[in-house]
Amino acid sequence: AACEAAGVPLLRLKRDESETAGARVFADAAGAAQ
């Protein structure tokens, strides 16, 4: 939002996602805790 307001080009550096096969995947900490 700040870049759009200032008119500055933005690059998002994204990490590669990992292979999670075999793990239990939850949307958030609350789901894991439950």
Full PDB file with SEQRES, HELIX, SHEET, SSBOND, CRYST1, ORIGX, SCALE, CONECT and MASTER records, all heavy atoms in Angstrom:
SEQRES   1 A   34  ALA ALA CYS GLU ALA ALA GLY VAL PRO LEU LEU ARG LEU          
SEQRES   2 A   34  LYS ARG ASP GLU SER GLU THR ALA GLY ALA ARG VAL PHE          
SEQRES   3 A   34  ALA ASP ALA ALA GLY ALA ALA GLN                              
HELIX    1 AA1 ALA A    2  ALA A    6  1                                   5    
HELIX    2 AA2 ALA A   29  ALA A   33  1                                   5    
CRYST1    1.000    1.000    1.000  90.00  90.00  90.00 P 1           1          
ORIGX1      1.000000  0.000000  0.000000        0.00000                         
ORIGX2      0.000000  1.000000  0.000000        0.00000                         
ORIGX3      0.000000  0.000000  1.000000        0.00000                         
SCALE1      1.000000  0.000000  0.000000        0.00000                         
SCALE2      0.000000  1.000000  0.000000        0.00000                         
SCALE3      0.000000  0.000000  1.000000        0.00000                         
ATOM      1  N   ALA A   1       0.830  -1.202   0.000  1.00  0.00           N  
ATOM      2  CA  ALA A   1       0.000   0.000   0.000  1.00  0.00           C  
ATOM      3  C   ALA A   1       0.868   1.257   0.000  1.00  0.00           C  
ATOM      4  O   ALA A   1       0.570   2.235  -0.700  1.00  0.00           O  
ATOM      5  CB  ALA A   1      -0.934  -0.005   1.204  1.00  0.00           C  
ATOM      6  N   ALA A   2       1.945   1.247   0.777  1.00  0.00           N  
ATOM      7  CA  ALA A   2       2.835   2.410   0.844  1.00  0.00           C  
ATOM      8  C   ALA A   2       3.530   2.643  -0.490  1.00  0.00           C  
ATOM      9  O   ALA A   2       3.705   3.792  -0.925  1.00  0.00           O  
ATOM     10  CB  ALA A   2       3.865   2.211   1.957  1.00  0.00           C  
ATOM     11  N   CYS A   3       3.944   1.576  -1.158  1.00  0.00           N  
ATOM     12  CA  CYS A   3       4.596   1.711  -2.459  1.00  0.00           C  
ATOM     13  C   CYS A   3       3.628   2.269  -3.493  1.00  0.00           C  
ATOM     14  O   CYS A   3       3.998   3.121  -4.319  1.00  0.00           O  
ATOM     15  CB  CYS A   3       5.143   0.366  -2.923  1.00  0.00           C  
ATOM     16  SG  CYS A   3       6.626  -0.175  -2.046  1.00  0.00           S  
ATOM     17  N   GLU A   4       2.387   1.806  -3.460  1.00  0.00           N  
ATOM     18  CA  GLU A   4       1.388   2.321  -4.394  1.00  0.00           C  
ATOM     19  C   GLU A   4       1.139   3.803  -4.153  1.00  0.00           C  
ATOM     20  O   GLU A   4       1.032   4.592  -5.104  1.00  0.00           O  
ATOM     21  CB  GLU A   4       0.092   1.526  -4.247  1.00  0.00           C  
ATOM     22  CG  GLU A   4       0.201   0.087  -4.760  1.00  0.00           C  
ATOM     23  CD  GLU A   4      -1.057  -0.728  -4.490  1.00  0.00           C  
ATOM     24  OE1 GLU A   4      -1.961  -0.199  -3.806  1.00  0.00           O  
ATOM     25  OE2 GLU A   4      -1.125  -1.878  -4.970  1.00  0.00           O  
ATOM     26  N   ALA A   5       1.074   4.191  -2.867  1.00  0.00           N  
ATOM     27  CA  ALA A   5       0.838   5.600  -2.536  1.00  0.00           C  
ATOM     28  C   ALA A   5       2.021   6.477  -2.937  1.00  0.00           C  
ATOM     29  O   ALA A   5       1.833   7.628  -3.350  1.00  0.00           O  
ATOM     30  CB  ALA A   5       0.573   5.739  -1.040  1.00  0.00           C  
ATOM     31  N   ALA A   6       3.225   5.932  -2.836  1.00  0.00           N  
ATOM     32  CA  ALA A   6       4.431   6.706  -3.151  1.00  0.00           C  
ATOM     33  C   ALA A   6       4.827   6.601  -4.620  1.00  0.00           C  
ATOM     34  O   ALA A   6       5.738   7.316  -5.066  1.00  0.00           O  
ATOM     35  CB  ALA A   6       5.588   6.247  -2.265  1.00  0.00           C  
ATOM     36  N   GLY A   7       4.170   5.701  -5.359  1.00  0.00           N  
ATOM     37  CA  GLY A   7       4.509   5.511  -6.762  1.00  0.00           C  
ATOM     38  C   GLY A   7       5.852   4.849  -6.973  1.00  0.00           C  
ATOM     39  O   GLY A   7       6.548   5.120  -7.956  1.00  0.00           O  
ATOM     40  N   VAL A   8       6.228   3.946  -6.057  1.00  0.00           N  
ATOM     41  CA  VAL A   8       7.525   3.268  -6.128  1.00  0.00           C  
ATOM     42  C   VAL A   8       7.321   1.813  -6.538  1.00  0.00           C  
ATOM     43  O   VAL A   8       6.504   1.106  -5.930  1.00  0.00           O  
ATOM     44  CB  VAL A   8       8.249   3.334  -4.757  1.00  0.00           C  
ATOM     45  CG1 VAL A   8       9.548   2.522  -4.792  1.00  0.00           C  
ATOM     46  CG2 VAL A   8       8.533   4.770  -4.380  1.00  0.00           C  
ATOM     47  N   PRO A   9       8.033   1.317  -7.543  1.00  0.00           N  
ATOM     48  CA  PRO A   9       7.916  -0.087  -7.942  1.00  0.00           C  
ATOM     49  C   PRO A   9       8.292  -1.023  -6.790  1.00  0.00           C  
ATOM     50  O   PRO A   9       9.243  -0.756  -6.049  1.00  0.00           O  
ATOM     51  CB  PRO A   9       8.912  -0.220  -9.097  1.00  0.00           C  
ATOM     52  CG  PRO A   9       9.121   1.168  -9.591  1.00  0.00           C  
ATOM     53  CD  PRO A   9       8.984   2.057  -8.399  1.00  0.00           C  
ATOM     54  N   LEU A  10       7.550  -2.125  -6.665  1.00  0.00           N  
ATOM     55  CA  LEU A  10       7.765  -3.079  -5.570  1.00  0.00           C  
ATOM     56  C   LEU A  10       8.071  -4.459  -6.118  1.00  0.00           C  
ATOM     57  O   LEU A  10       7.390  -4.946  -7.022  1.00  0.00           O  
ATOM     58  CB  LEU A  10       6.516  -3.150  -4.688  1.00  0.00           C  
ATOM     59  CG  LEU A  10       6.497  -4.239  -3.610  1.00  0.00           C  
ATOM     60  CD1 LEU A  10       7.569  -3.988  -2.554  1.00  0.00           C  
ATOM     61  CD2 LEU A  10       5.119  -4.328  -2.959  1.00  0.00           C  
ATOM     62  N   LEU A  11       9.085  -5.091  -5.540  1.00  0.00           N  
ATOM     63  CA  LEU A  11       9.401  -6.488  -5.826  1.00  0.00           C  
ATOM     64  C   LEU A  11       9.211  -7.292  -4.547  1.00  0.00           C  
ATOM     65  O   LEU A  11       9.749  -6.921  -3.507  1.00  0.00           O  
ATOM     66  CB  LEU A  11      10.850  -6.637  -6.311  1.00  0.00           C  
ATOM     67  CG  LEU A  11      11.256  -5.865  -7.576  1.00  0.00           C  
ATOM     68  CD1 LEU A  11      12.743  -6.058  -7.836  1.00  0.00           C  
ATOM     69  CD2 LEU A  11      10.440  -6.322  -8.769  1.00  0.00           C  
ATOM     70  N   ARG A  12       8.450  -8.356  -4.623  1.00  0.00           N  
ATOM     71  CA  ARG A  12       8.261  -9.232  -3.471  1.00  0.00           C  
ATOM     72  C   ARG A  12       9.192 -10.432  -3.600  1.00  0.00           C  
ATOM     73  O   ARG A  12       9.111 -11.193  -4.566  1.00  0.00           O  
ATOM     74  CB  ARG A  12       6.804  -9.705  -3.381  1.00  0.00           C  
ATOM     75  CG  ARG A  12       6.549 -10.837  -2.369  1.00  0.00           C  
ATOM     76  CD  ARG A  12       6.947 -10.465  -0.962  1.00  0.00           C  
ATOM     77  NE  ARG A  12       6.637 -11.557  -0.020  1.00  0.00           N  
ATOM     78  CZ  ARG A  12       7.157 -11.672   1.200  1.00  0.00           C  
ATOM     79  NH1 ARG A  12       8.020 -10.770   1.651  1.00  0.00           N  
ATOM     80  NH2 ARG A  12       6.824 -12.676   1.980  1.00  0.00           N  
ATOM     81  N   LEU A  13      10.093 -10.592  -2.616  1.00  0.00           N  
ATOM     82  CA  LEU A  13      11.010 -11.726  -2.600  1.00  0.00           C  
ATOM     83  C   LEU A  13      10.316 -12.877  -1.878  1.00  0.00           C  
ATOM     84  O   LEU A  13      10.046 -12.804  -0.677  1.00  0.00           O  
ATOM     85  CB  LEU A  13      12.314 -11.337  -1.893  1.00  0.00           C  
ATOM     86  CG  LEU A  13      13.535 -12.218  -2.128  1.00  0.00           C  
ATOM     87  CD1 LEU A  13      14.808 -11.506  -1.661  1.00  0.00           C  
ATOM     88  CD2 LEU A  13      13.426 -13.554  -1.423  1.00  0.00           C  
ATOM     89  N   LYS A  14      10.036 -13.931  -2.613  1.00  0.00           N  
ATOM     90  CA  LYS A  14       9.266 -15.055  -2.069  1.00  0.00           C  
ATOM     91  C   LYS A  14      10.157 -16.275  -1.882  1.00  0.00           C  
ATOM     92  O   LYS A  14      10.869 -16.683  -2.794  1.00  0.00           O  
ATOM     93  CB  LYS A  14       8.117 -15.398  -3.018  1.00  0.00           C  
ATOM     94  CG  LYS A  14       7.239 -16.543  -2.553  1.00  0.00           C  
ATOM     95  CD  LYS A  14       6.180 -16.867  -3.590  1.00  0.00           C  
ATOM     96  CE  LYS A  14       5.340 -18.074  -3.169  1.00  0.00           C  
ATOM     97  NZ  LYS A  14       4.350 -18.436  -4.204  1.00  0.00           N  
ATOM     98  N   ARG A  15      10.074 -16.854  -0.707  1.00  0.00           N  
ATOM     99  CA  ARG A  15      10.795 -18.105  -0.454  1.00  0.00           C  
ATOM    100  C   ARG A  15      10.093 -19.264  -1.155  1.00  0.00           C  
ATOM    101  O   ARG A  15       8.870 -19.304  -1.260  1.00  0.00           O  
ATOM    102  CB  ARG A  15      10.818 -18.424   1.041  1.00  0.00           C  
ATOM    103  CG  ARG A  15      11.798 -17.638   1.854  1.00  0.00           C  
ATOM    104  CD  ARG A  15      11.787 -18.085   3.298  1.00  0.00           C  
ATOM    105  NE  ARG A  15      12.766 -17.353   4.078  1.00  0.00           N  
ATOM    106  CZ  ARG A  15      12.916 -17.498   5.395  1.00  0.00           C  
ATOM    107  NH1 ARG A  15      12.139 -18.340   6.065  1.00  0.00           N  
ATOM    108  NH2 ARG A  15      13.826 -16.797   6.038  1.00  0.00           N  
ATOM    109  N   ASP A  16      10.888 -20.233  -1.588  1.00  0.00           N  
ATOM    110  CA  ASP A  16      10.303 -21.448  -2.142  1.00  0.00           C  
ATOM    111  C   ASP A  16       9.552 -22.195  -1.049  1.00  0.00           C  
ATOM    112  O   ASP A  16       9.995 -22.229   0.107  1.00  0.00           O  
ATOM    113  CB  ASP A  16      11.392 -22.356  -2.716  1.00  0.00           C  
ATOM    114  CG  ASP A  16      12.049 -21.757  -3.947  1.00  0.00           C  
ATOM    115  OD1 ASP A  16      11.409 -20.915  -4.604  1.00  0.00           O  
ATOM    116  OD2 ASP A  16      13.202 -22.135  -4.239  1.00  0.00           O  
ATOM    117  N   GLU A  17       8.417 -22.780  -1.418  1.00  0.00           N  
ATOM    118  CA  GLU A  17       7.662 -23.561  -0.446  1.00  0.00           C  
ATOM    119  C   GLU A  17       8.254 -24.956  -0.328  1.00  0.00           C  
ATOM    120  O   GLU A  17       8.853 -25.485  -1.265  1.00  0.00           O  
ATOM    121  CB  GLU A  17       6.193 -23.624  -0.865  1.00  0.00           C  
ATOM    122  CG  GLU A  17       5.507 -22.269  -0.835  1.00  0.00           C  
ATOM    123  CD  GLU A  17       4.019 -22.369  -1.082  1.00  0.00           C  
ATOM    124  OE1 GLU A  17       3.426 -23.421  -0.784  1.00  0.00           O  
ATOM    125  OE2 GLU A  17       3.443 -21.393  -1.588  1.00  0.00           O  
ATOM    126  N   SER A  18       8.069 -25.568   0.839  1.00  0.00           N  
ATOM    127  CA  SER A  18       8.653 -26.877   1.107  1.00  0.00           C  
ATOM    128  C   SER A  18       7.651 -27.991   0.851  1.00  0.00           C  
ATOM    129  O   SER A  18       6.436 -27.777   0.808  1.00  0.00           O  
ATOM    130  CB  SER A  18       9.122 -26.949   2.568  1.00  0.00           C  
ATOM    131  OG  SER A  18      10.049 -25.932   2.854  1.00  0.00           O  
ATOM    132  N   GLU A  19       8.171 -29.180   0.725  1.00  0.00           N  
ATOM    133  CA  GLU A  19       7.340 -30.370   0.602  1.00  0.00           C  
ATOM    134  C   GLU A  19       6.864 -30.771   1.993  1.00  0.00           C  
ATOM    135  O   GLU A  19       7.670 -31.007   2.887  1.00  0.00           O  
ATOM    136  CB  GLU A  19       8.149 -31.508  -0.031  1.00  0.00           C  
ATOM    137  CG  GLU A  19       7.403 -32.819  -0.118  1.00  0.00           C  
ATOM    138  CD  GLU A  19       6.099 -32.701  -0.877  1.00  0.00           C  
ATOM    139  OE1 GLU A  19       6.148 -32.343  -2.067  1.00  0.00           O  
ATOM    140  OE2 GLU A  19       5.031 -32.964  -0.263  1.00  0.00           O  
ATOM    141  N   THR A  20       5.552 -30.821   2.183  1.00  0.00           N  
ATOM    142  CA  THR A  20       4.997 -31.127   3.509  1.00  0.00           C  
ATOM    143  C   THR A  20       4.280 -32.477   3.539  1.00  0.00           C  
ATOM    144  O   THR A  20       3.512 -32.750   4.462  1.00  0.00           O  
ATOM    145  CB  THR A  20       4.019 -30.023   3.955  1.00  0.00           C  
ATOM    146  OG1 THR A  20       2.977 -29.874   2.975  1.00  0.00           O  
ATOM    147  CG2 THR A  20       4.754 -28.689   4.121  1.00  0.00           C  
ATOM    148  N   ALA A  21       4.529 -33.325   2.544  1.00  0.00           N  
ATOM    149  CA  ALA A  21       3.920 -34.658   2.537  1.00  0.00           C  
ATOM    150  C   ALA A  21       4.319 -35.414   3.796  1.00  0.00           C  
ATOM    151  O   ALA A  21       5.483 -35.413   4.190  1.00  0.00           O  
ATOM    152  CB  ALA A  21       4.360 -35.417   1.291  1.00  0.00           C  
ATOM    153  N   GLY A  22       3.353 -36.050   4.434  1.00  0.00           N  
ATOM    154  CA  GLY A  22       3.609 -36.794   5.659  1.00  0.00           C  
ATOM    155  C   GLY A  22       3.396 -35.991   6.914  1.00  0.00           C  
ATOM    156  O   GLY A  22       3.376 -36.550   8.021  1.00  0.00           O  
ATOM    157  N   ALA A  23       3.240 -34.678   6.769  1.00  0.00           N  
ATOM    158  CA  ALA A  23       2.991 -33.809   7.930  1.00  0.00           C  
ATOM    159  C   ALA A  23       1.502 -33.515   8.048  1.00  0.00           C  
ATOM    160  O   ALA A  23       0.747 -33.615   7.077  1.00  0.00           O  
ATOM    161  CB  ALA A  23       3.767 -32.507   7.790  1.00  0.00           C  
ATOM    162  N   ARG A  24       1.069 -33.136   9.236  1.00  0.00           N  
ATOM    163  CA  ARG A  24      -0.293 -32.645   9.427  1.00  0.00           C  
ATOM    164  C   ARG A  24      -0.256 -31.133   9.221  1.00  0.00           C  
ATOM    165  O   ARG A  24       0.495 -30.446   9.895  1.00  0.00           O  
ATOM    166  CB  ARG A  24      -0.807 -32.985  10.831  1.00  0.00           C  
ATOM    167  CG  ARG A  24      -1.008 -34.475  11.064  1.00  0.00           C  
ATOM    168  CD  ARG A  24      -1.672 -34.743  12.407  1.00  0.00           C  
ATOM    169  NE  ARG A  24      -1.847 -36.162  12.632  1.00  0.00           N  
ATOM    170  CZ  ARG A  24      -2.879 -36.872  12.210  1.00  0.00           C  
ATOM    171  NH1 ARG A  24      -3.858 -36.264  11.545  1.00  0.00           N  
ATOM    172  NH2 ARG A  24      -2.976 -38.160  12.459  1.00  0.00           N  
ATOM    173  N   VAL A  25      -1.057 -30.638   8.315  1.00  0.00           N  
ATOM    174  CA  VAL A  25      -1.031 -29.221   7.954  1.00  0.00           C  
ATOM    175  C   VAL A  25      -2.273 -28.528   8.496  1.00  0.00           C  
ATOM    176  O   VAL A  25      -3.399 -29.019   8.327  1.00  0.00           O  
ATOM    177  CB  VAL A  25      -0.946 -29.043   6.428  1.00  0.00           C  
ATOM    178  CG1 VAL A  25      -0.913 -27.558   6.062  1.00  0.00           C  
ATOM    179  CG2 VAL A  25       0.297 -29.743   5.878  1.00  0.00           C  
ATOM    180  N   PHE A  26      -2.063 -27.382   9.137  1.00  0.00           N  
ATOM    181  CA  PHE A  26      -3.153 -26.619   9.738  1.00  0.00           C  
ATOM    182  C   PHE A  26      -3.134 -25.188   9.198  1.00  0.00           C  
ATOM    183  O   PHE A  26      -2.083 -24.652   8.856  1.00  0.00           O  
ATOM    184  CB  PHE A  26      -3.033 -26.598  11.263  1.00  0.00           C  
ATOM    185  CG  PHE A  26      -3.123 -27.956  11.883  1.00  0.00           C  
ATOM    186  CD1 PHE A  26      -1.983 -28.743  12.032  1.00  0.00           C  
ATOM    187  CD2 PHE A  26      -4.342 -28.466  12.304  1.00  0.00           C  
ATOM    188  CE1 PHE A  26      -2.054 -30.000  12.603  1.00  0.00           C  
ATOM    189  CE2 PHE A  26      -4.426 -29.731  12.876  1.00  0.00           C  
ATOM    190  CZ  PHE A  26      -3.281 -30.504  13.019  1.00  0.00           C  
ATOM    191  N   ALA A  27      -4.306 -24.574   9.171  1.00  0.00           N  
ATOM    192  CA  ALA A  27      -4.406 -23.214   8.645  1.00  0.00           C  
ATOM    193  C   ALA A  27      -3.731 -22.203   9.561  1.00  0.00           C  
ATOM    194  O   ALA A  27      -3.203 -21.193   9.096  1.00  0.00           O  
ATOM    195  CB  ALA A  27      -5.871 -22.838   8.438  1.00  0.00           C  
ATOM    196  N   ASP A  28      -3.744 -22.471  10.869  1.00  0.00           N  
ATOM    197  CA  ASP A  28      -3.170 -21.513  11.813  1.00  0.00           C  
ATOM    198  C   ASP A  28      -2.822 -22.205  13.124  1.00  0.00           C  
ATOM    199  O   ASP A  28      -3.073 -23.409  13.299  1.00  0.00           O  
ATOM    200  CB  ASP A  28      -4.133 -20.345  12.060  1.00  0.00           C  
ATOM    201  CG  ASP A  28      -5.532 -20.813  12.452  1.00  0.00           C  
ATOM    202  OD1 ASP A  28      -5.675 -21.911  13.040  1.00  0.00           O  
ATOM    203  OD2 ASP A  28      -6.493 -20.069  12.178  1.00  0.00           O  
ATOM    204  N   ALA A  29      -2.265 -21.434  14.057  1.00  0.00           N  
ATOM    205  CA  ALA A  29      -1.854 -21.979  15.350  1.00  0.00           C  
ATOM    206  C   ALA A  29      -3.051 -22.480  16.152  1.00  0.00           C  
ATOM    207  O   ALA A  29      -2.948 -23.488  16.863  1.00  0.00           O  
ATOM    208  CB  ALA A  29      -1.092 -20.918  16.140  1.00  0.00           C  
ATOM    209  N   ALA A  30      -4.178 -21.794  16.043  1.00  0.00           N  
ATOM    210  CA  ALA A  30      -5.370 -22.209  16.783  1.00  0.00           C  
ATOM    211  C   ALA A  30      -5.816 -23.607  16.362  1.00  0.00           C  
ATOM    212  O   ALA A  30      -6.218 -24.427  17.198  1.00  0.00           O  
ATOM    213  CB  ALA A  30      -6.495 -21.200  16.572  1.00  0.00           C  
ATOM    214  N   GLY A  31      -5.743 -23.884  15.056  1.00  0.00           N  
ATOM    215  CA  GLY A  31      -6.123 -25.210  14.568  1.00  0.00           C  
ATOM    216  C   GLY A  31      -5.186 -26.289  15.060  1.00  0.00           C  
ATOM    217  O   GLY A  31      -5.626 -27.383  15.452  1.00  0.00           O  
ATOM    218  N   ALA A  32      -3.890 -26.006  15.064  1.00  0.00           N  
ATOM    219  CA  ALA A  32      -2.917 -26.978  15.563  1.00  0.00           C  
ATOM    220  C   ALA A  32      -3.127 -27.229  17.051  1.00  0.00           C  
ATOM    221  O   ALA A  32      -3.074 -28.375  17.523  1.00  0.00           O  
ATOM    222  CB  ALA A  32      -1.501 -26.475  15.299  1.00  0.00           C  
ATOM    223  N   ALA A  33      -3.366 -26.161  17.808  1.00  0.00           N  
ATOM    224  CA  ALA A  33      -3.574 -26.290  19.251  1.00  0.00           C  
ATOM    225  C   ALA A  33      -4.829 -27.106  19.556  1.00  0.00           C  
ATOM    226  O   ALA A  33      -4.843 -27.929  20.478  1.00  0.00           O  
ATOM    227  CB  ALA A  33      -3.679 -24.909  19.886  1.00  0.00           C  
ATOM    228  N   GLN A  34      -5.882 -26.878  18.791  1.00  0.00           N  
ATOM    229  CA  GLN A  34      -7.125 -27.626  19.000  1.00  0.00           C  
ATOM    230  C   GLN A  34      -6.901 -29.118  18.778  1.00  0.00           C  
ATOM    231  O   GLN A  34      -7.415 -29.947  19.529  1.00  0.00           O  
ATOM    232  CB  GLN A  34      -8.211 -27.105  18.056  1.00  0.00           C  
ATOM    233  CG  GLN A  34      -9.572 -27.763  18.260  1.00  0.00           C  
ATOM    234  CD  GLN A  34     -10.626 -27.182  17.334  1.00  0.00           C  
ATOM    235  OE1 GLN A  34     -10.316 -26.507  16.359  1.00  0.00           O  
ATOM    236  NE2 GLN A  34     -11.884 -27.439  17.634  1.00  0.00           N  
TER     237      GLN A  34                                                      
MASTER        0    0    0    2    0    0    0    6  236    1    0    3          
END                                                                             
